[in-house]
Amino acid sequence: LEVIRRDQSDRGLSTEFSDMAIDELLRMHELAERMLDTNRPDSTGTGVSDIGHVVGQIADLYRAGAEDRSWSLVVELDEQFPEVKAQVPPDALKQVLMNLVENAREVTPTKGIVRIAVDVEGDTARVRVIDDGPGIEPDVLPKIFDPFFTTKGAVTGVGLGLFVAQGVVRRYGGRLFAENRESGGACFTVELPVASETAVPA
């Protein structure tokens, strides 16, 4: 494609389509690399995240940059644990949670609330992203983490967000799962191993 592009004597329609094809191939390459990264062994170590700090950053980003004020984001931290640290790099955790919050925002009705709840149970740190949406259809729930499965339109989604998020969580010894709430809406839960630095109440 690069040779064809350079061989054009003038910038006509064929050159324009060559540029478009090259751009799409580069995008596909980046997507393939991202998929491989979800299960590629991490040679740099796991790192440790202060979950409350990461969640706070996400909340600040949405509150500062959101032009759409039809929904609100609420953070709920476990008062028994002033600091909850998990065995996962902050950037990886932020990638996962921002994906979950964005999905929750898209299904939340006007005046609805998206909640991020953080707590600890034993040696497991848990982050739940809860929405006020319609919930997940029973036939969709078993497939929601499958690659290329999406309930969005072809233009807005390719069905890799949750697949990649689950791969990231698994890489660091955790799990990500979804369920419907009895009161309505969906809940996505991230469970990760607690780091030794987590402050345990006396």
Protein backbone atom coordinates (compact mmCIF):
# COMPACT_ATOMS: atom_id res chain seq x y z
CA LEU A 1 0.00 0.00 0.00
CA GLU A 2 2.85 2.39 0.74
CA VAL A 3 4.36 1.65 -2.70
CA ILE A 4 1.00 2.25 -4.40
CA ARG A 5 0.60 5.48 -2.48
CA ARG A 6 4.05 6.77 -3.48
CA ASP A 7 3.44 5.81 -7.13
CA GLN A 8 0.51 8.19 -7.48
CA SER A 9 1.41 11.13 -9.72
CA ASP A 10 -1.22 13.36 -8.14
CA ARG A 11 -3.37 13.24 -5.02
CA GLY A 12 -6.58 11.85 -6.42
CA LEU A 13 -9.23 9.46 -5.14
CA SER A 14 -6.93 6.43 -5.33
CA THR A 15 -4.38 8.14 -3.07
CA GLU A 16 -7.10 9.06 -0.62
CA PHE A 17 -8.27 5.45 -0.44
CA SER A 18 -4.68 4.24 -0.04
CA ASP A 19 -4.30 6.57 2.95
CA MET A 20 -7.54 5.26 4.44
CA ALA A 21 -6.47 1.64 3.97
CA ILE A 22 -3.07 2.29 5.60
CA ASP A 23 -4.75 4.00 8.56
CA GLU A 24 -7.13 1.07 9.03
CA LEU A 25 -4.30 -1.45 8.86
CA LEU A 26 -2.39 0.47 11.53
CA ARG A 27 -5.51 0.53 13.69
CA MET A 28 -5.94 -3.24 13.25
CA HIS A 29 -2.29 -3.76 14.18
CA GLU A 30 -2.72 -1.74 17.37
CA LEU A 31 -5.90 -3.67 18.23
CA ALA A 32 -4.15 -7.01 17.73
CA GLU A 33 -1.26 -5.90 19.96
CA ARG A 34 -3.73 -4.87 22.64
CA MET A 35 -5.44 -8.27 22.49
CA LEU A 36 -2.08 -10.07 22.78
CA ASP A 37 -1.14 -7.90 25.75
CA THR A 38 -4.14 -9.13 27.74
CA ASN A 39 -2.55 -12.57 28.20
CA ARG A 40 1.14 -11.81 27.64
CA PRO A 41 3.28 -12.51 30.73
CA ASP A 42 4.25 -9.31 32.49
CA SER A 43 8.01 -9.09 32.95
CA THR A 44 7.94 -5.76 34.79
CA GLY A 45 6.33 -7.01 38.01
CA THR A 46 2.82 -6.49 39.24
CA GLY A 47 3.08 -3.17 41.03
CA VAL A 48 0.72 -1.96 43.73
CA SER A 49 -2.30 0.33 43.48
CA ASP A 50 -3.94 2.44 46.14
CA ILE A 51 -7.47 1.66 44.98
CA GLY A 52 -9.03 4.66 46.70
CA HIS A 53 -6.56 6.98 45.00
CA VAL A 54 -7.19 5.47 41.54
CA VAL A 55 -10.96 5.63 42.03
CA GLY A 56 -10.65 9.24 43.18
CA GLN A 57 -8.70 10.14 40.03
CA ILE A 58 -11.38 8.57 37.85
CA ALA A 59 -14.14 10.42 39.69
CA ASP A 60 -12.27 13.72 39.35
CA LEU A 61 -11.80 13.17 35.61
CA TYR A 62 -15.48 12.53 35.02
CA ARG A 63 -16.65 15.36 37.25
CA ALA A 64 -14.24 17.89 35.75
CA GLY A 65 -14.66 16.98 32.11
CA ALA A 66 -18.24 15.81 31.83
CA GLU A 67 -20.42 18.15 29.85
CA ASP A 68 -23.35 15.80 30.32
CA ARG A 69 -24.74 16.48 33.81
CA SER A 70 -27.69 14.11 33.42
CA TRP A 71 -25.98 11.48 35.61
CA SER A 72 -23.81 11.50 38.71
CA LEU A 73 -20.87 9.45 39.94
CA VAL A 74 -20.71 8.40 43.58
CA VAL A 75 -17.71 6.80 45.31
CA GLU A 76 -18.26 4.57 48.36
CA LEU A 77 -15.16 3.54 50.33
CA ASP A 78 -15.02 1.05 53.20
CA GLU A 79 -14.51 3.15 56.35
CA GLN A 80 -12.83 0.21 58.10
CA PHE A 81 -9.99 0.32 55.58
CA PRO A 82 -8.56 3.82 55.14
CA GLU A 83 -6.21 2.46 52.48
CA VAL A 84 -6.94 -0.49 50.23
CA LYS A 85 -3.96 -1.58 48.15
CA ALA A 86 -4.05 -4.30 45.52
CA GLN A 87 -1.42 -6.19 43.54
CA VAL A 88 -1.98 -4.41 40.23
CA PRO A 89 -0.28 -1.40 38.59
CA PRO A 90 -2.30 1.84 38.87
CA ASP A 91 -2.46 2.36 35.09
CA ALA A 92 -3.85 -1.14 34.55
CA LEU A 93 -6.48 -0.70 37.25
CA LYS A 94 -7.45 2.70 35.86
CA GLN A 95 -7.85 1.22 32.37
CA VAL A 96 -10.23 -1.45 33.67
CA LEU A 97 -12.31 0.82 35.90
CA MET A 98 -12.65 3.59 33.32
CA ASN A 99 -13.97 1.03 30.86
CA LEU A 100 -16.53 -0.19 33.39
CA VAL A 101 -17.59 3.33 34.40
CA GLU A 102 -17.98 4.39 30.77
CA ASN A 103 -20.16 1.34 30.04
CA ALA A 104 -22.24 2.09 33.13
CA ARG A 105 -22.63 5.73 32.13
CA GLU A 106 -23.93 4.75 28.70
CA VAL A 107 -26.80 2.69 30.14
CA THR A 108 -27.63 4.98 33.06
CA PRO A 109 -30.91 6.88 32.56
CA THR A 110 -31.36 10.62 33.09
CA LYS A 111 -30.77 11.59 36.73
CA GLY A 112 -29.30 8.14 37.31
CA ILE A 113 -26.30 7.31 39.49
CA VAL A 114 -23.18 5.26 38.81
CA ARG A 115 -21.55 3.99 42.00
CA ILE A 116 -18.00 2.80 42.56
CA ALA A 117 -17.86 0.83 45.81
CA VAL A 118 -14.58 -0.36 47.34
CA ASP A 119 -14.24 -2.88 50.16
CA VAL A 120 -12.05 -5.71 51.40
CA GLU A 121 -13.02 -9.27 52.24
CA GLY A 122 -10.21 -11.37 53.67
CA ASP A 123 -7.23 -11.15 51.33
CA THR A 124 -9.35 -9.87 48.42
CA ALA A 125 -9.88 -6.24 47.44
CA ARG A 126 -13.19 -5.68 45.69
CA VAL A 127 -14.29 -2.82 43.45
CA ARG A 128 -17.89 -2.79 42.22
CA VAL A 129 -19.22 -0.53 39.47
CA ILE A 130 -23.00 -0.30 39.86
CA ASP A 131 -25.43 1.36 37.48
CA ASP A 132 -29.13 2.27 37.41
CA GLY A 133 -29.63 0.93 33.89
CA PRO A 134 -31.96 -1.78 32.62
CA GLY A 135 -29.63 -4.61 33.58
CA ILE A 136 -28.17 -7.31 31.34
CA GLU A 137 -30.43 -9.60 29.36
CA PRO A 138 -30.20 -13.24 30.58
CA ASP A 139 -29.12 -14.49 27.15
CA VAL A 140 -26.42 -11.78 26.96
CA LEU A 141 -24.91 -12.27 30.42
CA PRO A 142 -22.95 -15.49 29.65
CA LYS A 143 -21.40 -13.87 26.54
CA ILE A 144 -20.64 -10.40 27.83
CA PHE A 145 -16.88 -10.99 28.16
CA ASP A 146 -16.52 -12.80 24.82
CA PRO A 147 -14.23 -11.10 22.27
CA PHE A 148 -16.05 -9.10 19.60
CA PHE A 149 -19.40 -9.46 21.37
CA THR A 150 -21.15 -6.12 21.72
CA THR A 151 -24.64 -4.82 22.35
CA LYS A 152 -23.66 -1.45 20.89
CA GLY A 153 -24.04 -0.42 17.28
CA ALA A 154 -21.36 -1.32 14.76
CA VAL A 155 -20.15 2.27 14.71
CA THR A 156 -19.73 2.74 18.46
CA GLY A 157 -18.29 -0.57 19.61
CA VAL A 158 -16.23 -3.54 18.45
CA GLY A 159 -16.83 -5.71 21.53
CA LEU A 160 -13.31 -5.75 22.95
CA GLY A 161 -13.59 -3.45 25.97
CA LEU A 162 -14.81 -6.01 28.50
CA PHE A 163 -12.72 -8.79 26.95
CA VAL A 164 -9.54 -6.72 27.37
CA ALA A 165 -10.57 -5.61 30.87
CA GLN A 166 -11.09 -9.21 31.98
CA GLY A 167 -7.71 -10.18 30.53
CA VAL A 168 -5.98 -7.40 32.46
CA VAL A 169 -7.62 -8.43 35.74
CA ARG A 170 -6.75 -12.09 35.21
CA ARG A 171 -3.13 -11.19 34.46
CA TYR A 172 -2.78 -9.87 38.00
CA GLY A 173 -4.44 -12.83 39.70
CA GLY A 174 -7.95 -11.42 39.97
CA ARG A 175 -11.31 -11.93 38.38
CA LEU A 176 -13.99 -9.75 36.79
CA PHE A 177 -17.62 -10.78 36.64
CA ALA A 178 -21.04 -9.25 36.05
CA GLU A 179 -24.45 -9.78 37.58
CA ASN A 180 -27.87 -8.17 37.68
CA ARG A 181 -29.08 -6.55 40.90
CA GLU A 182 -32.45 -7.47 42.36
CA SER A 183 -33.29 -3.78 42.69
CA GLY A 184 -32.45 -3.19 39.01
CA GLY A 185 -29.33 -2.32 37.07
CA ALA A 186 -26.10 -4.21 36.69
CA CYS A 187 -23.03 -4.66 38.87
CA PHE A 188 -19.54 -5.37 37.55
CA THR A 189 -17.15 -6.61 40.22
CA VAL A 190 -13.35 -6.55 40.10
CA GLU A 191 -11.63 -8.77 42.67
CA LEU A 192 -7.86 -8.50 43.16
CA PRO A 193 -5.34 -9.85 45.69
CA VAL A 194 -4.74 -7.43 48.56
CA ALA A 195 -1.21 -6.08 48.79
CA SER A 196 0.64 -6.44 52.07
CA GLU A 197 0.63 -2.62 52.42
CA THR A 198 -3.13 -2.53 52.95
CA ALA A 199 -3.89 -0.93 56.31
CA VAL A 200 -5.80 -3.37 58.52
CA PRO A 201 -7.92 -1.80 61.29
CA ALA A 202 -6.86 -2.49 64.84
